[in-house]
Every structure is written in structure tokens, then in C-alpha cells.
């Protein structure tokens, strides 16, 4: 069962923050809403639009755009941040030999088994 009282208390806390001038910006709200499950967003979109003083359709479009920027080319949500390439070339053979030595250091097995574990 859902605790709708907690949702209402959370909304009241957000409203209190807004009254004190500590409210999130519209852009921050859009980013937060874009991270919600689609059903959760559907349930809260009208109240959020009213709270942000924007039309529901405008909020929907902005959340849709934010969701598109949060996805990768495959259409799935990005799980990991983009990582920069290593600045120097990597010697693959040396790397694999170090990995093999590390596996053999902590796992008691034959060399061929350790190599298979790296595959």
C-alpha cells in the first residue's frame, strides 16, 4: 500500500520551502520530474505545473526534452557517466599479464583456469 500521507507531507514541506524563498528553480524541477517513473510523473504533473506556474503542456514538453537528454543513443537510460579515454596508449598484453597475476595471487587455480576467468 502507498502512504499517501507521506506524499502530502512532502508536498507541504516543498510548499513551505517555496514560501521561504528556497524553492527549486523551474529547471531543477524539470530535471527532478524527468527522473521520475512515468506513472509517478503522470500523478504529480498537474500539481507540479500549478506550483511552478506553468501550463501542463509546457511542463510535459520540457520533461520530455529532459528525458531525451538523459538517454543514450540506444534509447535506454544512461547507467554510467561518460568516461574520458586514458591519455596514454595502453599495452594490452601487459595489462592482461597484470590481471592474470592478480587473479593467480588471490585464486588458487591452474594458469589456464585463471586465463579463462579473464575472458
PDB file of N, CA and C in Angstrom:
ATOM      1  N   UNK A   1       0.835  -1.190   0.000  1.00  0.00           N
ATOM      2  CA  UNK A   1       0.000   0.000   0.000  1.00  0.00           C
ATOM      3  C   UNK A   1       0.876   1.248   0.000  1.00  0.00           C
ATOM      4  N   UNK A   2       0.407   2.271  -0.638  1.00  0.00           N
ATOM      5  CA  UNK A   2       1.139   3.534  -0.696  1.00  0.00           C
ATOM      6  C   UNK A   2       0.762   4.402   0.498  1.00  0.00           C
ATOM      7  N   UNK A   3       1.723   5.119   0.993  1.00  0.00           N
ATOM      8  CA  UNK A   3       1.496   6.041   2.101  1.00  0.00           C
ATOM      9  C   UNK A   3       1.269   7.424   1.501  1.00  0.00           C
ATOM     10  N   UNK A   4       0.009   7.713   1.148  1.00  0.00           N
ATOM     11  CA  UNK A   4      -0.300   8.991   0.517  1.00  0.00           C
ATOM     12  C   UNK A   4      -0.143  10.150   1.496  1.00  0.00           C
ATOM     13  N   UNK A   5      -0.214   9.850   2.783  1.00  0.00           N
ATOM     14  CA  UNK A   5       0.009  10.886   3.781  1.00  0.00           C
ATOM     15  C   UNK A   5       1.434  11.415   3.698  1.00  0.00           C
ATOM     16  N   UNK A   6       2.376  10.509   3.408  1.00  0.00           N
ATOM     17  CA  UNK A   6       3.780  10.933   3.282  1.00  0.00           C
ATOM     18  C   UNK A   6       3.957  11.830   2.070  1.00  0.00           C
ATOM     19  N   UNK A   7       3.242  11.525   0.996  1.00  0.00           N
ATOM     20  CA  UNK A   7       3.319  12.363  -0.207  1.00  0.00           C
ATOM     21  C   UNK A   7       2.777  13.753   0.096  1.00  0.00           C
ATOM     22  N   UNK A   8       1.648  13.787   0.785  1.00  0.00           N
ATOM     23  CA  UNK A   8       1.061  15.089   1.138  1.00  0.00           C
ATOM     24  C   UNK A   8       1.984  15.874   2.073  1.00  0.00           C
ATOM     25  N   UNK A   9       2.608  15.184   3.029  1.00  0.00           N
ATOM     26  CA  UNK A   9       3.539  15.865   3.933  1.00  0.00           C
ATOM     27  C   UNK A   9       4.747  16.386   3.154  1.00  0.00           C
ATOM     28  N   UNK A  10       5.203  15.588   2.182  1.00  0.00           N
ATOM     29  CA  UNK A  10       6.322  16.028   1.351  1.00  0.00           C
ATOM     30  C   UNK A  10       5.961  17.250   0.530  1.00  0.00           C
ATOM     31  N   UNK A  11       4.751  17.258  -0.038  1.00  0.00           N
ATOM     32  CA  UNK A  11       4.306  18.404  -0.823  1.00  0.00           C
ATOM     33  C   UNK A  11       4.184  19.641   0.059  1.00  0.00           C
ATOM     34  N   UNK A  12       3.691  19.464   1.271  1.00  0.00           N
ATOM     35  CA  UNK A  12       3.582  20.600   2.189  1.00  0.00           C
ATOM     36  C   UNK A  12       4.968  21.141   2.544  1.00  0.00           C
ATOM     37  N   UNK A  13       5.930  20.232   2.708  1.00  0.00           N
ATOM     38  CA  UNK A  13       7.295  20.669   3.003  1.00  0.00           C
ATOM     39  C   UNK A  13       7.867  21.458   1.835  1.00  0.00           C
ATOM     40  N   UNK A  14       7.594  20.998   0.604  1.00  0.00           N
ATOM     41  CA  UNK A  14       8.052  21.739  -0.577  1.00  0.00           C
ATOM     42  C   UNK A  14       7.395  23.108  -0.653  1.00  0.00           C
ATOM     43  N   UNK A  15       6.099  23.147  -0.363  1.00  0.00           N
ATOM     44  CA  UNK A  15       5.399  24.426  -0.375  1.00  0.00           C
ATOM     45  C   UNK A  15       5.977  25.381   0.667  1.00  0.00           C
ATOM     46  N   UNK A  16       6.318  24.844   1.841  1.00  0.00           N
ATOM     47  CA  UNK A  16       6.909  25.686   2.884  1.00  0.00           C
ATOM     48  C   UNK A  16       8.257  26.228   2.437  1.00  0.00           C
ATOM     49  N   UNK A  17       9.059  25.399   1.775  1.00  0.00           N
ATOM     50  CA  UNK A  17      10.335  25.866   1.253  1.00  0.00           C
ATOM     51  C   UNK A  17      10.131  26.969   0.218  1.00  0.00           C
ATOM     52  N   UNK A  18       9.121  26.814  -0.629  1.00  0.00           N
ATOM     53  CA  UNK A  18       8.855  27.806  -1.661  1.00  0.00           C
ATOM     54  C   UNK A  18       8.482  29.149  -1.033  1.00  0.00           C
ATOM     55  N   UNK A  19       7.716  29.098   0.033  1.00  0.00           N
ATOM     56  CA  UNK A  19       7.321  30.328   0.693  1.00  0.00           C
ATOM     57  C   UNK A  19       8.514  31.042   1.336  1.00  0.00           C
ATOM     58  N   UNK A  20       9.517  30.297   1.738  1.00  0.00           N
ATOM     59  CA  UNK A  20      10.697  30.894   2.357  1.00  0.00           C
ATOM     60  C   UNK A  20      11.716  31.350   1.325  1.00  0.00           C
ATOM     61  N   UNK A  21      11.438  31.143   0.054  1.00  0.00           N
ATOM     62  CA  UNK A  21      12.357  31.584  -0.989  1.00  0.00           C
ATOM     63  C   UNK A  21      13.432  30.571  -1.325  1.00  0.00           C
ATOM     64  N   UNK A  22      13.338  29.368  -0.796  1.00  0.00           N
ATOM     65  CA  UNK A  22      14.333  28.330  -1.058  1.00  0.00           C
ATOM     66  C   UNK A  22      13.828  27.321  -2.090  1.00  0.00           C
ATOM     67  N   UNK A  23      12.847  27.711  -2.872  1.00  0.00           N
ATOM     68  CA  UNK A  23      12.249  26.779  -3.822  1.00  0.00           C
ATOM     69  C   UNK A  23      13.226  26.466  -4.945  1.00  0.00           C
ATOM     70  N   UNK A  24      13.062  25.272  -5.490  1.00  0.00           N
ATOM     71  CA  UNK A  24      13.887  24.896  -6.630  1.00  0.00           C
ATOM     72  C   UNK A  24      13.473  25.714  -7.837  1.00  0.00           C
ATOM     73  N   UNK A  25      14.393  25.909  -8.756  1.00  0.00           N
ATOM     74  CA  UNK A  25      14.074  26.628  -9.975  1.00  0.00           C
ATOM     75  C   UNK A  25      13.230  25.728 -10.865  1.00  0.00           C
ATOM     76  N   UNK A  26      12.635  26.314 -11.874  1.00  0.00           N
ATOM     77  CA  UNK A  26      11.826  25.536 -12.810  1.00  0.00           C
ATOM     78  C   UNK A  26      12.707  24.494 -13.486  1.00  0.00           C
ATOM     79  N   UNK A  27      13.941  24.861 -13.852  1.00  0.00           N
ATOM     80  CA  UNK A  27      14.845  23.917 -14.500  1.00  0.00           C
ATOM     81  C   UNK A  27      15.196  22.755 -13.572  1.00  0.00           C
ATOM     82  N   UNK A  28      15.397  23.046 -12.295  1.00  0.00           N
ATOM     83  CA  UNK A  28      15.682  21.974 -11.341  1.00  0.00           C
ATOM     84  C   UNK A  28      14.479  21.048 -11.183  1.00  0.00           C
ATOM     85  N   UNK A  29      13.288  21.648 -11.157  1.00  0.00           N
ATOM     86  CA  UNK A  29      12.074  20.841 -11.035  1.00  0.00           C
ATOM     87  C   UNK A  29      11.893  19.948 -12.259  1.00  0.00           C
ATOM     88  N   UNK A  30      12.161  20.493 -13.441  1.00  0.00           N
ATOM     89  CA  UNK A  30      12.031  19.704 -14.670  1.00  0.00           C
ATOM     90  C   UNK A  30      13.003  18.531 -14.638  1.00  0.00           C
ATOM     91  N   UNK A  31      14.216  18.782 -14.206  1.00  0.00           N
ATOM     92  CA  UNK A  31      15.212  17.709 -14.127  1.00  0.00           C
ATOM     93  C   UNK A  31      14.770  16.637 -13.123  1.00  0.00           C
ATOM     94  N   UNK A  32      14.256  17.072 -11.978  1.00  0.00           N
ATOM     95  CA  UNK A  32      13.765  16.122 -10.975  1.00  0.00           C
ATOM     96  C   UNK A  32      12.595  15.313 -11.513  1.00  0.00           C
ATOM     97  N   UNK A  33      11.665  15.994 -12.170  1.00  0.00           N
ATOM     98  CA  UNK A  33      10.489  15.312 -12.709  1.00  0.00           C
ATOM     99  C   UNK A  33      10.861  14.343 -13.829  1.00  0.00           C
ATOM    100  N   UNK A  34      11.869  14.687 -14.607  1.00  0.00           N
ATOM    101  CA  UNK A  34      12.307  13.808 -15.696  1.00  0.00           C
ATOM    102  C   UNK A  34      12.850  12.499 -15.151  1.00  0.00           C
ATOM    103  N   UNK A  35      13.349  12.522 -13.931  1.00  0.00           N
ATOM    104  CA  UNK A  35      13.886  11.312 -13.330  1.00  0.00           C
ATOM    105  C   UNK A  35      12.836  10.414 -12.703  1.00  0.00           C
ATOM    106  N   UNK A  36      11.605  10.894 -12.645  1.00  0.00           N
ATOM    107  CA  UNK A  36      10.527  10.087 -12.057  1.00  0.00           C
ATOM    108  C   UNK A  36      10.080   8.990 -13.007  1.00  0.00           C
ATOM    109  N   UNK A  37       9.537   7.938 -12.431  1.00  0.00           N
ATOM    110  CA  UNK A  37       8.870   6.907 -13.212  1.00  0.00           C
ATOM    111  C   UNK A  37       7.705   7.569 -13.946  1.00  0.00           C
ATOM    112  N   UNK A  38       7.415   7.189 -15.191  1.00  0.00           N
ATOM    113  CA  UNK A  38       6.336   7.843 -15.941  1.00  0.00           C
ATOM    114  C   UNK A  38       4.988   7.883 -15.208  1.00  0.00           C
ATOM    115  N   UNK A  39       4.653   6.826 -14.486  1.00  0.00           N
ATOM    116  CA  UNK A  39       3.372   6.839 -13.760  1.00  0.00           C
ATOM    117  C   UNK A  39       3.399   7.828 -12.599  1.00  0.00           C
ATOM    118  N   UNK A  40       4.532   7.908 -11.914  1.00  0.00           N
ATOM    119  CA  UNK A  40       4.649   8.881 -10.818  1.00  0.00           C
ATOM    120  C   UNK A  40       4.570  10.304 -11.362  1.00  0.00           C
ATOM    121  N   UNK A  41       5.202  10.527 -12.524  1.00  0.00           N
ATOM    122  CA  UNK A  41       5.129  11.853 -13.132  1.00  0.00           C
ATOM    123  C   UNK A  41       3.685  12.179 -13.515  1.00  0.00           C
ATOM    124  N   UNK A  42       2.996  11.213 -14.089  1.00  0.00           N
ATOM    125  CA  UNK A  42       1.600  11.431 -14.506  1.00  0.00           C
ATOM    126  C   UNK A  42       0.735  11.832 -13.321  1.00  0.00           C
ATOM    127  N   UNK A  43       0.990  11.221 -12.166  1.00  0.00           N
ATOM    128  CA  UNK A  43       0.182  11.539 -10.984  1.00  0.00           C
ATOM    129  C   UNK A  43       0.484  12.923 -10.422  1.00  0.00           C
ATOM    130  N   UNK A  44       1.703  13.423 -10.638  1.00  0.00           N
ATOM    131  CA  UNK A  44       2.072  14.683  -9.998  1.00  0.00           C
ATOM    132  C   UNK A  44       2.180  15.863 -10.959  1.00  0.00           C
ATOM    133  N   UNK A  45       2.002  15.649 -12.254  1.00  0.00           N
ATOM    134  CA  UNK A  45       2.288  16.700 -13.230  1.00  0.00           C
ATOM    135  C   UNK A  45       1.384  17.919 -13.095  1.00  0.00           C
ATOM    136  N   UNK A  46       0.109  17.723 -12.834  1.00  0.00           N
ATOM    137  CA  UNK A  46      -0.789  18.877 -12.730  1.00  0.00           C
ATOM    138  C   UNK A  46      -0.460  19.733 -11.510  1.00  0.00           C
ATOM    139  N   UNK A  47      -0.209  19.068 -10.381  1.00  0.00           N
ATOM    140  CA  UNK A  47       0.136  19.815  -9.156  1.00  0.00           C
ATOM    141  C   UNK A  47       1.479  20.534  -9.330  1.00  0.00           C
ATOM    142  N   UNK A  48       2.433  19.868  -9.977  1.00  0.00           N
ATOM    143  CA  UNK A  48       3.746  20.488 -10.196  1.00  0.00           C
ATOM    144  C   UNK A  48       3.630  21.680 -11.147  1.00  0.00           C
ATOM    145  N   UNK A  49       2.827  21.536 -12.195  1.00  0.00           N
ATOM    146  CA  UNK A  49       2.644  22.647 -13.142  1.00  0.00           C
ATOM    147  C   UNK A  49       2.030  23.849 -12.421  1.00  0.00           C
ATOM    148  N   UNK A  50       1.062  23.584 -11.585  1.00  0.00           N
ATOM    149  CA  UNK A  50       0.420  24.673 -10.840  1.00  0.00           C
ATOM    150  C   UNK A  50       1.424  25.323  -9.893  1.00  0.00           C
ATOM    151  N   UNK A  51       2.213  24.488  -9.198  1.00  0.00           N
ATOM    152  CA  UNK A  51       3.200  25.002  -8.258  1.00  0.00           C
ATOM    153  C   UNK A  51       4.257  25.845  -8.956  1.00  0.00           C
ATOM    154  N   UNK A  52       4.615  25.448 -10.183  1.00  0.00           N
ATOM    155  CA  UNK A  52       5.642  26.162 -10.943  1.00  0.00           C
ATOM    156  C   UNK A  52       5.065  27.312 -11.775  1.00  0.00           C
ATOM    157  N   UNK A  53       3.742  27.446 -11.770  1.00  0.00           N
ATOM    158  CA  UNK A  53       3.045  28.489 -12.536  1.00  0.00           C
ATOM    159  C   UNK A  53       3.300  28.367 -14.035  1.00  0.00           C
ATOM    160  N   UNK A  54       3.219  27.127 -14.531  1.00  0.00           N
ATOM    161  CA  UNK A  54       3.333  26.880 -15.975  1.00  0.00           C
ATOM    162  C   UNK A  54       2.172  25.996 -16.398  1.00  0.00           C
ATOM    163  N   UNK A  55       1.867  26.017 -17.697  1.00  0.00           N
ATOM    164  CA  UNK A  55       0.815  25.135 -18.209  1.00  0.00           C
ATOM    165  C   UNK A  55       1.312  23.692 -18.217  1.00  0.00           C
ATOM    166  N   UNK A  56       0.396  22.768 -18.048  1.00  0.00           N
ATOM    167  CA  UNK A  56       0.745  21.350 -18.004  1.00  0.00           C
ATOM    168  C   UNK A  56       1.421  20.919 -19.303  1.00  0.00           C
ATOM    169  N   UNK A  57       0.932  21.385 -20.442  1.00  0.00           N
ATOM    170  CA  UNK A  57       1.522  21.012 -21.725  1.00  0.00           C
ATOM    171  C   UNK A  57       2.965  21.470 -21.857  1.00  0.00           C
ATOM    172  N   UNK A  58       3.245  22.665 -21.358  1.00  0.00           N
ATOM    173  CA  UNK A  58       4.615  23.182 -21.403  1.00  0.00           C
ATOM    174  C   UNK A  58       5.512  22.329 -20.514  1.00  0.00           C
ATOM    175  N   UNK A  59       5.031  22.005 -19.332  1.00  0.00           N
ATOM    176  CA  UNK A  59       5.805  21.160 -18.422  1.00  0.00           C
ATOM    177  C   UNK A  59       6.057  19.797 -19.058  1.00  0.00           C
ATOM    178  N   UNK A  60       5.032  19.216 -19.679  1.00  0.00           N
ATOM    179  CA  UNK A  60       5.191  17.916 -20.339  1.00  0.00           C
ATOM    180  C   UNK A  60       6.289  17.962 -21.405  1.00  0.00           C
ATOM    181  N   UNK A  61       6.294  19.010 -22.218  1.00  0.00           N
ATOM    182  CA  UNK A  61       7.306  19.123 -23.280  1.00  0.00           C
ATOM    183  C   UNK A  61       8.704  19.265 -22.697  1.00  0.00           C
ATOM    184  N   UNK A  62       8.844  20.062 -21.643  1.00  0.00           N
ATOM    185  CA  UNK A  62      10.156  20.257 -21.042  1.00  0.00           C
ATOM    186  C   UNK A  62      10.666  18.970 -20.372  1.00  0.00           C
ATOM    187  N   UNK A  63       9.764  18.260 -19.720  1.00  0.00           N
ATOM    188  CA  UNK A  63      10.153  16.993 -19.090  1.00  0.00           C
ATOM    189  C   UNK A  63      10.533  15.978 -20.164  1.00  0.00           C
ATOM    190  N   UNK A  64       9.803  15.963 -21.258  1.00  0.00           N
ATOM    191  CA  UNK A  64      10.125  15.062 -22.366  1.00  0.00           C
ATOM    192  C   UNK A  64      11.511  15.360 -22.930  1.00  0.00           C
ATOM    193  N   UNK A  65      11.816  16.644 -23.127  1.00  0.00           N
ATOM    194  CA  UNK A  65      13.144  17.034 -23.613  1.00  0.00           C
ATOM    195  C   UNK A  65      14.230  16.613 -22.628  1.00  0.00           C
ATOM    196  N   UNK A  66      13.982  16.819 -21.342  1.00  0.00           N
ATOM    197  CA  UNK A  66      14.968  16.455 -20.327  1.00  0.00           C
ATOM    198  C   UNK A  66      15.191  14.950 -20.298  1.00  0.00           C
ATOM    199  N   UNK A  67      14.125  14.184 -20.487  1.00  0.00           N
ATOM    200  CA  UNK A  67      14.270  12.726 -20.526  1.00  0.00           C
ATOM    201  C   UNK A  67      15.089  12.294 -21.737  1.00  0.00           C
ATOM    202  N   UNK A  68      14.906  12.963 -22.868  1.00  0.00           N
ATOM    203  CA  UNK A  68      15.662  12.609 -24.070  1.00  0.00           C
ATOM    204  C   UNK A  68      17.144  12.873 -23.876  1.00  0.00           C
ATOM    205  N   UNK A  69      17.496  13.929 -23.163  1.00  0.00           N
ATOM    206  CA  UNK A  69      18.917  14.213 -22.938  1.00  0.00           C
ATOM    207  C   UNK A  69      19.516  13.262 -21.920  1.00  0.00           C
ATOM    208  N   UNK A  70      18.673  12.588 -21.126  1.00  0.00           N
ATOM    209  CA  UNK A  70      19.169  11.646 -20.129  1.00  0.00           C
ATOM    210  C   UNK A  70      19.328  10.241 -20.709  1.00  0.00           C
ATOM    211  N   UNK A  71      19.000  10.044 -21.969  1.00  0.00           N
ATOM    212  CA  UNK A  71      19.106   8.714 -22.564  1.00  0.00           C
ATOM    213  C   UNK A  71      20.251   8.673 -23.547  1.00  0.00           C
ATOM    214  N   UNK A  72      20.759   7.483 -23.755  1.00  0.00           N
ATOM    215  CA  UNK A  72      21.834   7.335 -24.729  1.00  0.00           C
ATOM    216  C   UNK A  72      21.242   7.024 -26.095  1.00  0.00           C
ATOM    217  N   UNK A  73      22.074   6.762 -27.071  1.00  0.00           N
ATOM    218  CA  UNK A  73      21.612   6.523 -28.436  1.00  0.00           C
ATOM    219  C   UNK A  73      20.721   5.293 -28.526  1.00  0.00           C
ATOM    220  N   UNK A  74      20.908   4.323 -27.650  1.00  0.00           N
ATOM    221  CA  UNK A  74      20.116   3.102 -27.679  1.00  0.00           C
ATOM    222  C   UNK A  74      18.727   3.270 -27.107  1.00  0.00           C
ATOM    223  N   UNK A  75      18.419   4.422 -26.568  1.00  0.00           N
ATOM    224  CA  UNK A  75      17.091   4.664 -26.027  1.00  0.00           C
ATOM    225  C   UNK A  75      16.932   4.233 -24.583  1.00  0.00           C
ATOM    226  N   UNK A  76      17.980   3.736 -23.972  1.00  0.00           N
ATOM    227  CA  UNK A  76      17.909   3.320 -22.573  1.00  0.00           C
ATOM    228  C   UNK A  76      18.527   4.406 -21.704  1.00  0.00           C
ATOM    229  N   UNK A  77      18.052   4.473 -20.480  1.00  0.00           N
ATOM    230  CA  UNK A  77      18.615   5.465 -19.558  1.00  0.00           C
ATOM    231  C   UNK A  77      20.091   5.176 -19.344  1.00  0.00           C
ATOM    232  N   UNK A  78      20.874   6.222 -19.275  1.00  0.00           N
ATOM    233  CA  UNK A  78      22.310   6.047 -19.077  1.00  0.00           C
ATOM    234  C   UNK A  78      22.569   5.552 -17.657  1.00  0.00           C
ATOM    235  N   UNK A  79      23.337   4.474 -17.559  1.00  0.00           N
ATOM    236  CA  UNK A  79      23.631   3.909 -16.254  1.00  0.00           C
ATOM    237  C   UNK A  79      24.905   4.512 -15.678  1.00  0.00           C
ATOM    238  N   UNK A  80      25.853   4.825 -16.546  1.00  0.00           N
ATOM    239  CA  UNK A  80      27.137   5.330 -16.101  1.00  0.00           C
ATOM    240  C   UNK A  80      27.437   6.647 -16.792  1.00  0.00           C
ATOM    241  N   UNK A  81      28.170   7.516 -16.136  1.00  0.00           N
ATOM    242  CA  UNK A  81      28.547   8.775 -16.787  1.00  0.00           C
ATOM    243  C   UNK A  81      29.558   8.512 -17.900  1.00  0.00           C
ATOM    244  N   UNK A  82      29.676   9.449 -18.805  1.00  0.00           N
ATOM    245  CA  UNK A  82      30.661   9.342 -19.867  1.00  0.00           C
ATOM    246  C   UNK A  82      32.055   9.445 -19.266  1.00  0.00           C
ATOM    247  N   UNK A  83      32.927   8.553 -19.677  1.00  0.00           N
ATOM    248  CA  UNK A  83      34.274   8.492 -19.118  1.00  0.00           C
ATOM    249  C   UNK A  83      35.272   8.922 -20.187  1.00  0.00           C
ATOM    250  N   UNK A  84      36.227   9.728 -19.800  1.00  0.00           N
ATOM    251  CA  UNK A  84      37.273  10.161 -20.731  1.00  0.00           C
ATOM    252  C   UNK A  84      38.235   9.016 -21.000  1.00  0.00           C
ATOM    253  N   UNK A  85      38.778   8.984 -22.199  1.00  0.00           N
ATOM    254  CA  UNK A  85      39.745   7.962 -22.560  1.00  0.00           C
ATOM    255  C   UNK A  85      41.030   8.153 -21.771  1.00  0.00           C
ATOM    256  N   UNK A  86      41.772   7.045 -21.577  1.00  0.00           N
ATOM    257  CA  UNK A  86      43.059   7.118 -20.903  1.00  0.00           C
ATOM    258  C   UNK A  86      43.998   7.936 -21.767  1.00  0.00           C
ATOM    259  N   UNK A  87      44.782   8.858 -21.191  1.00  0.00           N
ATOM    260  CA  UNK A  87      45.574   9.776 -22.007  1.00  0.00           C
ATOM    261  C   UNK A  87      46.731   9.115 -22.769  1.00  0.00           C
ATOM    262  N   UNK A  88      47.287   7.999 -22.255  1.00  0.00           N
ATOM    263  CA  UNK A  88      48.389   7.335 -22.944  1.00  0.00           C
ATOM    264  C   UNK A  88      47.898   6.017 -23.542  1.00  0.00           C
ATOM    265  N   UNK A  89      48.584   5.540 -24.583  1.00  0.00           N
ATOM    266  CA  UNK A  89      48.227   4.226 -25.132  1.00  0.00           C
ATOM    267  C   UNK A  89      48.414   3.136 -24.072  1.00  0.00           C
ATOM    268  N   UNK A  90      47.564   2.135 -24.115  1.00  0.00           N
ATOM    269  CA  UNK A  90      47.620   1.041 -23.150  1.00  0.00           C
ATOM    270  C   UNK A  90      48.205  -0.184 -23.839  1.00  0.00           C
ATOM    271  N   UNK A  91      49.186  -0.804 -23.196  1.00  0.00           N
ATOM    272  CA  UNK A  91      49.768  -2.039 -23.694  1.00  0.00           C
ATOM    273  C   UNK A  91      48.860  -3.175 -23.245  1.00  0.00           C
ATOM    274  N   UNK A  92      48.047  -3.678 -24.152  1.00  0.00           N
ATOM    275  CA  UNK A  92      47.064  -4.704 -23.823  1.00  0.00           C
ATOM    276  C   UNK A  92      47.674  -5.963 -23.247  1.00  0.00           C
ATOM    277  N   UNK A  93      48.797  -6.413 -23.808  1.00  0.00           N
ATOM    278  CA  UNK A  93      49.448  -7.637 -23.323  1.00  0.00           C
ATOM    279  C   UNK A  93      49.918  -7.449 -21.882  1.00  0.00           C
ATOM    280  N   UNK A  94      50.521  -6.314 -21.586  1.00  0.00           N
ATOM    281  CA  UNK A  94      50.997  -6.055 -20.227  1.00  0.00           C
ATOM    282  C   UNK A  94      49.824  -5.970 -19.250  1.00  0.00           C
ATOM    283  N   UNK A  95      48.742  -5.350 -19.680  1.00  0.00           N
ATOM    284  CA  UNK A  95      47.554  -5.244 -18.834  1.00  0.00           C
ATOM    285  C   UNK A  95      46.997  -6.626 -18.516  1.00  0.00           C
ATOM    286  N   UNK A  96      46.871  -7.473 -19.543  1.00  0.00           N
ATOM    287  CA  UNK A  96      46.344  -8.824 -19.317  1.00  0.00           C
ATOM    288  C   UNK A  96      47.268  -9.646 -18.420  1.00  0.00           C
ATOM    289  N   UNK A  97      48.584  -9.480 -18.584  1.00  0.00           N
ATOM    290  CA  UNK A  97      49.524 -10.196 -17.717  1.00  0.00           C
ATOM    291  C   UNK A  97      49.380  -9.749 -16.262  1.00  0.00           C
ATOM    292  N   UNK A  98      49.180  -8.450 -16.032  1.00  0.00           N
ATOM    293  CA  UNK A  98      48.972  -7.957 -14.672  1.00  0.00           C
ATOM    294  C   UNK A  98      47.664  -8.481 -14.093  1.00  0.00           C
ATOM    295  N   UNK A  99      46.625  -8.513 -14.908  1.00  0.00           N
ATOM    296  CA  UNK A  99      45.342  -9.056 -14.440  1.00  0.00           C
ATOM    297  C   UNK A  99      45.477 -10.536 -14.094  1.00  0.00           C
ATOM    298  N   UNK A 100      46.179 -11.281 -14.947  1.00  0.00           N
ATOM    299  CA  UNK A 100      46.403 -12.706 -14.699  1.00  0.00           C
ATOM    300  C   UNK A 100      47.162 -12.900 -13.389  1.00  0.00           C
ATOM    301  N   UNK A 101      48.200 -12.112 -13.167  1.00  0.00           N
ATOM    302  CA  UNK A 101      48.975 -12.222 -11.932  1.00  0.00           C
ATOM    303  C   UNK A 101      48.102 -11.913 -10.719  1.00  0.00           C
ATOM    304  N   UNK A 102      47.218 -10.925 -10.838  1.00  0.00           N
ATOM    305  CA  UNK A 102      46.335 -10.573  -9.722  1.00  0.00           C
ATOM    306  C   UNK A 102      45.349 -11.702  -9.432  1.00  0.00           C
ATOM    307  N   UNK A 103      44.768 -12.283 -10.467  1.00  0.00           N
ATOM    308  CA  UNK A 103      43.846 -13.406 -10.269  1.00  0.00           C
ATOM    309  C   UNK A 103      44.579 -14.560  -9.605  1.00  0.00           C
ATOM    310  N   UNK A 104      45.765 -14.893 -10.092  1.00  0.00           N
ATOM    311  CA  UNK A 104      46.522 -16.013  -9.526  1.00  0.00           C
ATOM    312  C   UNK A 104      46.990 -15.724  -8.097  1.00  0.00           C
ATOM    313  N   UNK A 105      47.110 -14.475  -7.759  1.00  0.00           N
ATOM    314  CA  UNK A 105      47.523 -14.106  -6.404  1.00  0.00           C
ATOM    315  C   UNK A 105      46.417 -14.402  -5.390  1.00  0.00           C
ATOM    316  N   UNK A 106      45.147 -14.233  -5.817  1.00  0.00           N
ATOM    317  CA  UNK A 106      44.031 -14.370  -4.882  1.00  0.00           C
ATOM    318  C   UNK A 106      43.184 -15.615  -5.095  1.00  0.00           C
ATOM    319  N   UNK A 107      43.368 -16.314  -6.223  1.00  0.00           N
ATOM    320  CA  UNK A 107      42.572 -17.501  -6.519  1.00  0.00           C
ATOM    321  C   UNK A 107      43.517 -18.672  -6.736  1.00  0.00           C
ATOM    322  N   UNK A 108      43.281 -19.747  -6.008  1.00  0.00           N
ATOM    323  CA  UNK A 108      44.101 -20.937  -6.178  1.00  0.00           C
ATOM    324  C   UNK A 108      43.517 -21.729  -7.341  1.00  0.00           C
ATOM    325  N   UNK A 109      44.254 -21.711  -8.463  1.00  0.00           N
ATOM    326  CA  UNK A 109      43.800 -22.432  -9.648  1.00  0.00           C
ATOM    327  C   UNK A 109      44.974 -22.558 -10.617  1.00  0.00           C
ATOM    328  N   UNK A 110      44.765 -23.374 -11.618  1.00  0.00           N
ATOM    329  CA  UNK A 110      45.798 -23.521 -12.639  1.00  0.00           C
ATOM    330  C   UNK A 110      45.800 -22.292 -13.533  1.00  0.00           C
ATOM    331  N   UNK A 111      46.906 -22.093 -14.231  1.00  0.00           N
ATOM    332  CA  UNK A 111      47.076 -20.922 -15.100  1.00  0.00           C
ATOM    333  C   UNK A 111      45.970 -20.837 -16.153  1.00  0.00           C
ATOM    334  N   UNK A 112      45.629 -21.964 -16.772  1.00  0.00           N
ATOM    335  CA  UNK A 112      44.592 -21.961 -17.807  1.00  0.00           C
ATOM    336  C   UNK A 112      43.231 -21.548 -17.240  1.00  0.00           C
ATOM    337  N   UNK A 113      42.940 -21.952 -16.019  1.00  0.00           N
ATOM    338  CA  UNK A 113      41.694 -21.558 -15.373  1.00  0.00           C
ATOM    339  C   UNK A 113      41.678 -20.046 -15.115  1.00  0.00           C
ATOM    340  N   UNK A 114      42.804 -19.524 -14.647  1.00  0.00           N
ATOM    341  CA  UNK A 114      42.883 -18.089 -14.394  1.00  0.00           C
ATOM    342  C   UNK A 114      42.706 -17.309 -15.696  1.00  0.00           C
ATOM    343  N   UNK A 115      43.297 -17.800 -16.779  1.00  0.00           N
ATOM    344  CA  UNK A 115      43.144 -17.138 -18.084  1.00  0.00           C
ATOM    345  C   UNK A 115      41.687 -17.175 -18.501  1.00  0.00           C
ATOM    346  N   UNK A 116      41.019 -18.302 -18.278  1.00  0.00           N
ATOM    347  CA  UNK A 116      39.612 -18.427 -18.651  1.00  0.00           C
ATOM    348  C   UNK A 116      38.752 -17.453 -17.846  1.00  0.00           C
ATOM    349  N   UNK A 117      39.128 -17.189 -16.604  1.00  0.00           N
ATOM    350  CA  UNK A 117      38.362 -16.264 -15.760  1.00  0.00           C
ATOM    351  C   UNK A 117      38.468 -14.830 -16.275  1.00  0.00           C
ATOM    352  N   UNK A 118      39.543 -14.522 -16.996  1.00  0.00           N
ATOM    353  CA  UNK A 118      39.725 -13.176 -17.542  1.00  0.00           C
ATOM    354  C   UNK A 118      38.937 -12.969 -18.831  1.00  0.00           C
ATOM    355  N   UNK A 119      38.478 -14.067 -19.423  1.00  0.00           N
ATOM    356  CA  UNK A 119      37.769 -13.954 -20.714  1.00  0.00           C
ATOM    357  C   UNK A 119      36.353 -13.486 -20.529  1.00  0.00           C
TER     358      UNK A 119
END
